[in-house]
Amino acid sequence: MPRDPETASYRFNHTMLRIKDPKVSLQFYQEILGMELQDKHDGGDFTLYFLAYNHEGPELSLDEKKRSRFAREGILELTHNHGTESDANFQGYASGNTDPGRGFGHIAITVDDVEKACERFEKFNVPFKKRLTDGKMKNIAFILDPDGYWVEVVGNTVKL
C-alpha cells in the first residue's frame, strides 16, 4: 500500500525513558553504548537528555545537534524528574516487562559483531537479561540499563 502523501514527511523521531539518576544513565548510554548527547533541556523540575548515534558524516557542533534534534530519526530521550536520584524511598520505574505495567518491551541497537559487543559489556559489568547462549535465539542478547530497561543487541545483518 503506498504511503499517503499527507504522511510522506513523517518520521519516527524519538522514544522517551524515565531515569532515576542522569549521571549513571548518561554514563551508560554514552560510554557503554557510544551514543552522543544531542541536546539537553532544563524544564525546571525535570531535565531532558537527547542522545543518538551520528552516522551521517562529520562530527556536528553542539548547536547543529540541537537544531537537528527534531529533524532526524533514532533519538533516545532520557527524562530525569529531579530528586529521584537522592530519594531513598524511590522504587524506580516500571520497565514494561513485568506486571503491573507490562507493555513497553525494549529498545534495540545493532552492532557489527554481537559476540564482541557482549564481551565488551561483560568487561564493563553490564547486567544481562539474556546472553547469547540463553534461549532459542542464539543471535541476540539483552542487556539492562541502569533503570532496568531492556536493550536488545542484534547484529546489523540478522535474518529472522
N, C-alpha and C. Protein backbone atom coordinates (compact mmCIF):
# COMPACT_ATOMS: atom_id res chain seq x y z
N MET A 1 0.84 -1.18 0.00
CA MET A 1 0.00 0.00 0.00
C MET A 1 0.89 1.25 0.00
N PRO A 2 0.72 2.15 -0.94
CA PRO A 2 1.55 3.35 -1.00
C PRO A 2 1.25 4.28 0.18
N ARG A 3 2.27 5.02 0.58
CA ARG A 3 2.09 6.00 1.66
C ARG A 3 1.18 7.12 1.22
N ASP A 4 0.38 7.56 2.15
CA ASP A 4 -0.47 8.72 1.92
C ASP A 4 0.43 9.95 1.78
N PRO A 5 0.26 10.75 0.75
CA PRO A 5 1.11 11.94 0.58
C PRO A 5 1.10 12.86 1.81
N GLU A 6 0.01 12.83 2.55
CA GLU A 6 -0.07 13.69 3.74
C GLU A 6 0.88 13.23 4.85
N THR A 7 1.32 11.96 4.80
CA THR A 7 2.24 11.46 5.83
C THR A 7 3.65 11.26 5.30
N ALA A 8 3.92 11.67 4.07
CA ALA A 8 5.22 11.43 3.44
C ALA A 8 6.38 12.03 4.22
N SER A 9 6.16 13.11 4.94
CA SER A 9 7.26 13.75 5.68
C SER A 9 7.36 13.26 7.12
N TYR A 10 6.47 12.37 7.56
CA TYR A 10 6.51 11.87 8.93
C TYR A 10 7.75 11.02 9.16
N ARG A 11 8.34 11.14 10.35
CA ARG A 11 9.49 10.34 10.74
C ARG A 11 9.28 9.86 12.17
N PHE A 12 9.83 8.71 12.48
CA PHE A 12 9.86 8.26 13.87
C PHE A 12 11.03 8.96 14.50
N ASN A 13 10.78 9.93 15.37
CA ASN A 13 11.84 10.78 15.90
C ASN A 13 12.49 10.23 17.16
N HIS A 14 11.70 9.98 18.22
CA HIS A 14 12.34 9.56 19.46
C HIS A 14 11.45 8.71 20.35
N THR A 15 12.13 8.04 21.28
CA THR A 15 11.49 7.27 22.34
C THR A 15 11.97 7.86 23.66
N MET A 16 11.07 8.00 24.63
CA MET A 16 11.42 8.57 25.92
C MET A 16 11.41 7.50 27.00
N LEU A 17 12.45 7.51 27.84
CA LEU A 17 12.53 6.65 29.01
C LEU A 17 12.76 7.54 30.23
N ARG A 18 12.04 7.28 31.31
CA ARG A 18 12.28 7.99 32.56
C ARG A 18 13.45 7.34 33.28
N ILE A 19 14.32 8.16 33.84
CA ILE A 19 15.51 7.65 34.51
C ILE A 19 15.59 8.18 35.93
N LYS A 20 16.24 7.41 36.79
CA LYS A 20 16.41 7.81 38.18
C LYS A 20 17.58 8.78 38.36
N ASP A 21 18.74 8.45 37.79
CA ASP A 21 19.95 9.22 38.03
C ASP A 21 20.64 9.52 36.70
N PRO A 22 20.64 10.78 36.27
CA PRO A 22 21.21 11.10 34.96
C PRO A 22 22.71 10.81 34.87
N LYS A 23 23.45 10.97 35.95
CA LYS A 23 24.89 10.69 35.89
C LYS A 23 25.13 9.24 35.50
N VAL A 24 24.41 8.33 36.13
CA VAL A 24 24.59 6.91 35.87
C VAL A 24 24.07 6.55 34.47
N SER A 25 22.89 7.06 34.11
CA SER A 25 22.31 6.73 32.80
C SER A 25 23.10 7.32 31.65
N LEU A 26 23.54 8.57 31.79
CA LEU A 26 24.32 9.18 30.72
C LEU A 26 25.65 8.44 30.54
N GLN A 27 26.26 8.02 31.62
CA GLN A 27 27.50 7.25 31.52
C GLN A 27 27.26 5.96 30.76
N PHE A 28 26.15 5.28 31.05
CA PHE A 28 25.81 4.03 30.36
C PHE A 28 25.60 4.26 28.86
N TYR A 29 24.72 5.20 28.53
CA TYR A 29 24.37 5.39 27.13
C TYR A 29 25.51 6.02 26.31
N GLN A 30 26.32 6.86 26.94
CA GLN A 30 27.42 7.48 26.20
C GLN A 30 28.68 6.61 26.19
N GLU A 31 29.11 6.14 27.35
CA GLU A 31 30.38 5.42 27.42
C GLU A 31 30.26 3.94 27.09
N ILE A 32 29.15 3.31 27.47
CA ILE A 32 28.98 1.88 27.20
C ILE A 32 28.39 1.64 25.81
N LEU A 33 27.32 2.39 25.47
CA LEU A 33 26.67 2.18 24.17
C LEU A 33 27.17 3.12 23.08
N GLY A 34 27.94 4.14 23.44
CA GLY A 34 28.56 5.00 22.44
C GLY A 34 27.66 6.05 21.81
N MET A 35 26.54 6.36 22.45
CA MET A 35 25.66 7.41 21.92
C MET A 35 26.26 8.78 22.23
N GLU A 36 25.83 9.79 21.46
CA GLU A 36 26.27 11.17 21.67
C GLU A 36 25.11 11.99 22.20
N LEU A 37 25.42 12.87 23.14
CA LEU A 37 24.41 13.80 23.64
C LEU A 37 24.13 14.82 22.55
N GLN A 38 22.87 14.89 22.11
CA GLN A 38 22.47 15.81 21.06
C GLN A 38 21.99 17.14 21.63
N ASP A 39 21.34 17.06 22.78
CA ASP A 39 20.77 18.27 23.37
C ASP A 39 20.35 17.96 24.80
N LYS A 40 20.24 19.00 25.58
CA LYS A 40 19.79 18.91 26.97
C LYS A 40 18.83 20.07 27.19
N HIS A 41 17.70 19.78 27.82
CA HIS A 41 16.70 20.82 28.08
C HIS A 41 16.33 20.80 29.55
N ASP A 42 16.52 21.94 30.23
CA ASP A 42 16.15 22.07 31.63
C ASP A 42 14.72 22.59 31.70
N GLY A 43 13.84 21.76 32.26
CA GLY A 43 12.44 22.14 32.38
C GLY A 43 12.04 22.57 33.78
N GLY A 44 13.00 22.98 34.60
CA GLY A 44 12.69 23.41 35.96
C GLY A 44 12.80 22.26 36.94
N ASP A 45 11.76 21.47 37.03
CA ASP A 45 11.79 20.32 37.95
C ASP A 45 12.11 19.01 37.22
N PHE A 46 12.46 19.09 35.96
CA PHE A 46 12.88 17.92 35.19
C PHE A 46 13.91 18.36 34.16
N THR A 47 14.71 17.41 33.69
CA THR A 47 15.68 17.67 32.63
C THR A 47 15.54 16.58 31.58
N LEU A 48 15.58 16.98 30.32
CA LEU A 48 15.52 16.06 29.19
C LEU A 48 16.91 15.97 28.55
N TYR A 49 17.32 14.74 28.28
CA TYR A 49 18.60 14.48 27.61
C TYR A 49 18.28 13.74 26.32
N PHE A 50 18.76 14.25 25.19
CA PHE A 50 18.51 13.64 23.89
C PHE A 50 19.82 13.04 23.38
N LEU A 51 19.81 11.73 23.12
CA LEU A 51 21.01 11.02 22.68
C LEU A 51 20.75 10.33 21.36
N ALA A 52 21.80 10.15 20.58
CA ALA A 52 21.68 9.45 19.29
C ALA A 52 23.06 9.05 18.80
N TYR A 53 23.05 8.25 17.77
CA TYR A 53 24.27 7.91 17.05
C TYR A 53 24.39 8.85 15.86
N ASN A 54 25.61 9.24 15.54
CA ASN A 54 25.83 10.05 14.36
C ASN A 54 26.57 9.21 13.32
N HIS A 55 25.85 8.80 12.30
CA HIS A 55 26.45 8.05 11.20
C HIS A 55 26.32 8.84 9.90
N GLU A 56 25.98 10.11 10.04
CA GLU A 56 25.67 10.93 8.87
C GLU A 56 26.90 11.54 8.22
N GLY A 57 28.02 11.52 8.91
CA GLY A 57 29.20 12.15 8.34
C GLY A 57 30.03 12.82 9.41
N PRO A 58 30.47 14.06 9.16
CA PRO A 58 31.37 14.73 10.10
C PRO A 58 30.69 15.01 11.44
N GLU A 59 31.53 15.17 12.45
CA GLU A 59 31.04 15.50 13.79
C GLU A 59 30.27 16.82 13.73
N LEU A 60 29.11 16.84 14.34
CA LEU A 60 28.30 18.05 14.37
C LEU A 60 28.64 18.87 15.61
N SER A 61 28.53 20.18 15.49
CA SER A 61 28.72 21.04 16.66
C SER A 61 27.52 20.86 17.58
N LEU A 62 27.65 21.29 18.83
CA LEU A 62 26.52 21.19 19.76
C LEU A 62 25.31 21.95 19.24
N ASP A 63 25.54 23.11 18.62
CA ASP A 63 24.43 23.89 18.07
C ASP A 63 23.76 23.14 16.92
N GLU A 64 24.55 22.50 16.05
CA GLU A 64 23.98 21.72 14.93
C GLU A 64 23.19 20.52 15.47
N LYS A 65 23.71 19.86 16.49
CA LYS A 65 22.99 18.74 17.09
C LYS A 65 21.65 19.20 17.64
N LYS A 66 21.66 20.31 18.35
CA LYS A 66 20.43 20.85 18.94
C LYS A 66 19.42 21.21 17.86
N ARG A 67 19.87 21.89 16.81
CA ARG A 67 18.96 22.31 15.75
C ARG A 67 18.36 21.13 14.99
N SER A 68 19.12 20.04 14.87
CA SER A 68 18.64 18.90 14.08
C SER A 68 17.87 17.88 14.91
N ARG A 69 17.74 18.12 16.20
CA ARG A 69 17.13 17.13 17.11
C ARG A 69 15.77 16.63 16.63
N PHE A 70 14.92 17.50 16.14
CA PHE A 70 13.58 17.07 15.72
C PHE A 70 13.48 16.82 14.22
N ALA A 71 14.59 16.89 13.52
CA ALA A 71 14.58 16.68 12.07
C ALA A 71 15.19 15.34 11.69
N ARG A 72 15.51 14.51 12.67
CA ARG A 72 16.16 13.24 12.37
C ARG A 72 15.40 12.10 13.04
N GLU A 73 15.85 10.89 12.80
CA GLU A 73 15.25 9.71 13.41
C GLU A 73 16.23 9.07 14.38
N GLY A 74 15.70 8.23 15.25
CA GLY A 74 16.54 7.43 16.12
C GLY A 74 17.07 8.13 17.35
N ILE A 75 16.29 9.00 17.95
CA ILE A 75 16.71 9.73 19.15
C ILE A 75 16.18 8.99 20.38
N LEU A 76 16.99 8.95 21.42
CA LEU A 76 16.57 8.44 22.71
C LEU A 76 16.50 9.62 23.66
N GLU A 77 15.32 9.85 24.22
CA GLU A 77 15.13 10.93 25.19
C GLU A 77 15.10 10.32 26.58
N LEU A 78 16.00 10.76 27.43
CA LEU A 78 16.01 10.34 28.83
C LEU A 78 15.43 11.49 29.65
N THR A 79 14.40 11.20 30.43
CA THR A 79 13.75 12.22 31.24
C THR A 79 14.07 11.98 32.70
N HIS A 80 14.68 12.98 33.32
CA HIS A 80 15.02 12.90 34.75
C HIS A 80 14.13 13.86 35.52
N ASN A 81 13.29 13.31 36.39
CA ASN A 81 12.49 14.13 37.30
C ASN A 81 13.35 14.36 38.53
N HIS A 82 13.72 15.61 38.75
CA HIS A 82 14.67 15.96 39.80
C HIS A 82 14.26 15.42 41.16
N GLY A 83 15.24 14.90 41.87
CA GLY A 83 15.03 14.38 43.21
C GLY A 83 15.02 12.87 43.29
N THR A 84 14.73 12.19 42.19
CA THR A 84 14.68 10.72 42.23
C THR A 84 16.04 10.12 42.56
N GLU A 85 17.11 10.78 42.11
CA GLU A 85 18.45 10.24 42.31
C GLU A 85 18.87 10.20 43.78
N SER A 86 18.25 11.02 44.62
CA SER A 86 18.64 11.06 46.04
C SER A 86 17.51 10.64 46.97
N ASP A 87 16.41 10.13 46.41
CA ASP A 87 15.26 9.70 47.21
C ASP A 87 15.41 8.23 47.59
N ALA A 88 15.71 7.98 48.86
CA ALA A 88 15.93 6.61 49.33
C ALA A 88 14.68 5.75 49.20
N ASN A 89 13.50 6.36 49.14
CA ASN A 89 12.24 5.62 49.04
C ASN A 89 11.79 5.41 47.59
N PHE A 90 12.52 6.00 46.63
CA PHE A 90 12.13 5.86 45.23
C PHE A 90 12.26 4.41 44.80
N GLN A 91 11.19 3.85 44.27
CA GLN A 91 11.14 2.44 43.89
C GLN A 91 11.60 2.17 42.46
N GLY A 92 11.86 3.20 41.70
CA GLY A 92 12.26 3.02 40.31
C GLY A 92 11.04 3.04 39.40
N TYR A 93 11.29 2.93 38.12
CA TYR A 93 10.23 2.96 37.12
C TYR A 93 9.96 1.55 36.61
N ALA A 94 8.75 1.31 36.15
CA ALA A 94 8.40 0.03 35.55
C ALA A 94 9.10 -0.09 34.20
N SER A 95 9.77 -1.21 33.96
CA SER A 95 10.47 -1.40 32.69
C SER A 95 9.51 -1.77 31.57
N GLY A 96 8.29 -2.15 31.93
CA GLY A 96 7.32 -2.57 30.93
C GLY A 96 7.32 -4.06 30.69
N ASN A 97 8.21 -4.79 31.35
CA ASN A 97 8.33 -6.22 31.11
C ASN A 97 7.81 -7.08 32.25
N THR A 98 7.25 -6.45 33.27
CA THR A 98 6.66 -7.20 34.38
C THR A 98 5.34 -6.55 34.76
N ASP A 99 4.52 -7.30 35.46
CA ASP A 99 3.25 -6.76 35.96
C ASP A 99 3.48 -6.10 37.30
N PRO A 100 2.80 -5.01 37.64
CA PRO A 100 1.93 -4.25 36.75
C PRO A 100 2.76 -3.37 35.81
N GLY A 101 2.17 -2.99 34.74
CA GLY A 101 2.84 -2.10 33.80
C GLY A 101 3.39 -2.77 32.57
N ARG A 102 3.08 -4.05 32.38
CA ARG A 102 3.59 -4.74 31.19
C ARG A 102 3.05 -4.04 29.95
N GLY A 103 3.91 -3.82 29.00
CA GLY A 103 3.52 -3.16 27.76
C GLY A 103 4.76 -2.85 26.95
N PHE A 104 5.49 -1.81 27.35
CA PHE A 104 6.75 -1.48 26.69
C PHE A 104 7.70 -2.66 26.86
N GLY A 105 8.47 -2.97 25.84
CA GLY A 105 9.37 -4.11 25.93
C GLY A 105 10.84 -3.75 25.98
N HIS A 106 11.36 -3.08 24.95
CA HIS A 106 12.79 -2.79 24.90
C HIS A 106 13.10 -1.80 23.79
N ILE A 107 14.31 -1.27 23.85
CA ILE A 107 14.88 -0.58 22.71
C ILE A 107 15.93 -1.54 22.14
N ALA A 108 16.44 -1.25 20.95
CA ALA A 108 17.42 -2.14 20.34
C ALA A 108 18.52 -1.34 19.67
N ILE A 109 19.71 -1.90 19.72
CA ILE A 109 20.83 -1.35 18.96
C ILE A 109 21.35 -2.46 18.06
N THR A 110 21.87 -2.08 16.90
CA THR A 110 22.50 -3.05 16.02
C THR A 110 24.01 -2.83 16.08
N VAL A 111 24.72 -3.94 15.97
CA VAL A 111 26.19 -3.91 16.05
C VAL A 111 26.75 -4.80 14.95
N ASP A 112 28.02 -4.59 14.62
CA ASP A 112 28.67 -5.42 13.61
C ASP A 112 28.86 -6.85 14.09
N ASP A 113 29.22 -7.02 15.37
CA ASP A 113 29.53 -8.34 15.91
C ASP A 113 28.94 -8.44 17.31
N VAL A 114 27.85 -9.19 17.45
CA VAL A 114 27.14 -9.29 18.73
C VAL A 114 28.03 -9.92 19.80
N GLU A 115 28.79 -10.93 19.43
CA GLU A 115 29.66 -11.60 20.40
C GLU A 115 30.71 -10.64 20.97
N LYS A 116 31.34 -9.86 20.11
CA LYS A 116 32.33 -8.88 20.58
C LYS A 116 31.67 -7.79 21.42
N ALA A 117 30.49 -7.35 21.02
CA ALA A 117 29.77 -6.34 21.81
C ALA A 117 29.47 -6.88 23.20
N CYS A 118 29.04 -8.13 23.28
CA CYS A 118 28.72 -8.75 24.57
C CYS A 118 29.97 -8.88 25.44
N GLU A 119 31.10 -9.21 24.81
CA GLU A 119 32.36 -9.28 25.56
C GLU A 119 32.70 -7.91 26.16
N ARG A 120 32.45 -6.87 25.38
CA ARG A 120 32.69 -5.50 25.88
C ARG A 120 31.76 -5.19 27.04
N PHE A 121 30.49 -5.55 26.92
CA PHE A 121 29.54 -5.29 28.01
C PHE A 121 29.95 -6.04 29.27
N GLU A 122 30.43 -7.26 29.10
CA GLU A 122 30.91 -8.04 30.25
C GLU A 122 32.07 -7.31 30.94
N LYS A 123 32.98 -6.76 30.14
CA LYS A 123 34.14 -6.05 30.67
C LYS A 123 33.69 -4.87 31.55
N PHE A 124 32.58 -4.24 31.18
CA PHE A 124 32.05 -3.10 31.93
C PHE A 124 31.03 -3.52 33.00
N ASN A 125 30.91 -4.84 33.22
CA ASN A 125 29.97 -5.37 34.23
C ASN A 125 28.53 -4.96 33.98
N VAL A 126 28.15 -4.86 32.72
CA VAL A 126 26.76 -4.56 32.37
C VAL A 126 25.93 -5.82 32.63
N PRO A 127 24.81 -5.69 33.35
CA PRO A 127 23.98 -6.88 33.59
C PRO A 127 23.26 -7.34 32.32
N PHE A 128 23.15 -8.65 32.18
CA PHE A 128 22.45 -9.24 31.04
C PHE A 128 21.08 -9.74 31.48
N LYS A 129 20.10 -9.55 30.64
CA LYS A 129 18.79 -10.20 30.80
C LYS A 129 18.81 -11.52 30.05
N LYS A 130 19.47 -11.53 28.87
CA LYS A 130 19.59 -12.75 28.07
C LYS A 130 20.95 -12.73 27.37
N ARG A 131 21.73 -13.74 27.64
CA ARG A 131 23.03 -13.88 26.97
C ARG A 131 22.84 -14.62 25.65
N LEU A 132 23.83 -14.57 24.80
CA LEU A 132 23.75 -15.27 23.51
C LEU A 132 23.50 -16.76 23.68
N THR A 133 23.97 -17.32 24.76
CA THR A 133 23.83 -18.76 24.99
C THR A 133 22.48 -19.15 25.58
N ASP A 134 21.68 -18.16 25.98
CA ASP A 134 20.37 -18.44 26.60
C ASP A 134 19.27 -18.54 25.54
N GLY A 135 18.30 -19.38 25.80
CA GLY A 135 17.10 -19.45 24.97
C GLY A 135 17.34 -20.01 23.59
N LYS A 136 16.32 -19.86 22.74
CA LYS A 136 16.36 -20.41 21.38
C LYS A 136 17.11 -19.51 20.41
N MET A 137 16.98 -18.20 20.58
CA MET A 137 17.59 -17.26 19.64
C MET A 137 19.03 -16.98 20.08
N LYS A 138 19.98 -17.63 19.44
CA LYS A 138 21.39 -17.53 19.82
C LYS A 138 22.09 -16.35 19.16
N ASN A 139 21.37 -15.54 18.40
CA ASN A 139 21.99 -14.43 17.69
C ASN A 139 21.64 -13.07 18.27
N ILE A 140 20.91 -13.04 19.40
CA ILE A 140 20.60 -11.77 20.04
C ILE A 140 20.86 -11.89 21.54
N ALA A 141 21.14 -10.74 22.13
CA ALA A 141 21.32 -10.66 23.58
C ALA A 141 20.49 -9.48 24.08
N PHE A 142 20.22 -9.48 25.36
CA PHE A 142 19.57 -8.35 26.00
C PHE A 142 20.39 -7.95 27.21
N ILE A 143 20.73 -6.66 27.28
CA ILE A 143 21.40 -6.12 28.45
C ILE A 143 20.42 -5.20 29.17
N LEU A 144 20.76 -4.84 30.39
CA LEU A 144 19.90 -3.96 31.18
C LEU A 144 20.59 -2.62 31.42
N ASP A 145 19.85 -1.54 31.23
CA ASP A 145 20.41 -0.23 31.52
C ASP A 145 20.30 0.02 33.03
N PRO A 146 20.81 1.12 33.55
CA PRO A 146 20.79 1.35 35.00
C PRO A 146 19.40 1.38 35.63
N ASP A 147 18.36 1.63 34.85
CA ASP A 147 17.00 1.65 35.38
C ASP A 147 16.25 0.35 35.13
N GLY A 148 16.92 -0.65 34.58
CA GLY A 148 16.29 -1.94 34.34
C GLY A 148 15.60 -2.06 33.00
N TYR A 149 15.73 -1.04 32.12
CA TYR A 149 15.16 -1.15 30.78
C TYR A 149 15.99 -2.13 29.97
N TRP A 150 15.32 -2.93 29.16
CA TRP A 150 15.99 -3.91 28.32
C TRP A 150 16.52 -3.23 27.06
N VAL A 151 17.73 -3.59 26.69
CA VAL A 151 18.34 -3.12 25.44
C VAL A 151 18.72 -4.36 24.64
N GLU A 152 18.04 -4.57 23.52
CA GLU A 152 18.36 -5.70 22.66
C GLU A 152 19.62 -5.37 21.87
N VAL A 153 20.50 -6.36 21.76
CA VAL A 153 21.73 -6.20 20.99
C VAL A 153 21.66 -7.24 19.87
N VAL A 154 21.61 -6.74 18.65
CA VAL A 154 21.40 -7.61 17.50
C VAL A 154 22.38 -7.22 16.39
N GLY A 155 22.81 -8.19 15.63
CA GLY A 155 23.70 -7.92 14.51
C GLY A 155 23.01 -7.11 13.43
N ASN A 156 23.77 -6.26 12.76
CA ASN A 156 23.14 -5.42 11.73
C ASN A 156 22.84 -6.17 10.44
N THR A 157 23.10 -7.47 10.41
CA THR A 157 22.74 -8.28 9.25
C THR A 157 21.89 -9.48 9.65
N VAL A 158 21.24 -9.42 10.81
CA VAL A 158 20.45 -10.55 11.30
C VAL A 158 19.27 -10.84 10.37
N LYS A 159 18.95 -12.11 10.24
CA LYS A 159 17.79 -12.52 9.44
C LYS A 159 16.83 -13.26 10.37
N LEU A 160 15.59 -12.85 10.35
CA LEU A 160 14.58 -13.51 11.19
C LEU A 160 13.89 -14.61 10.43
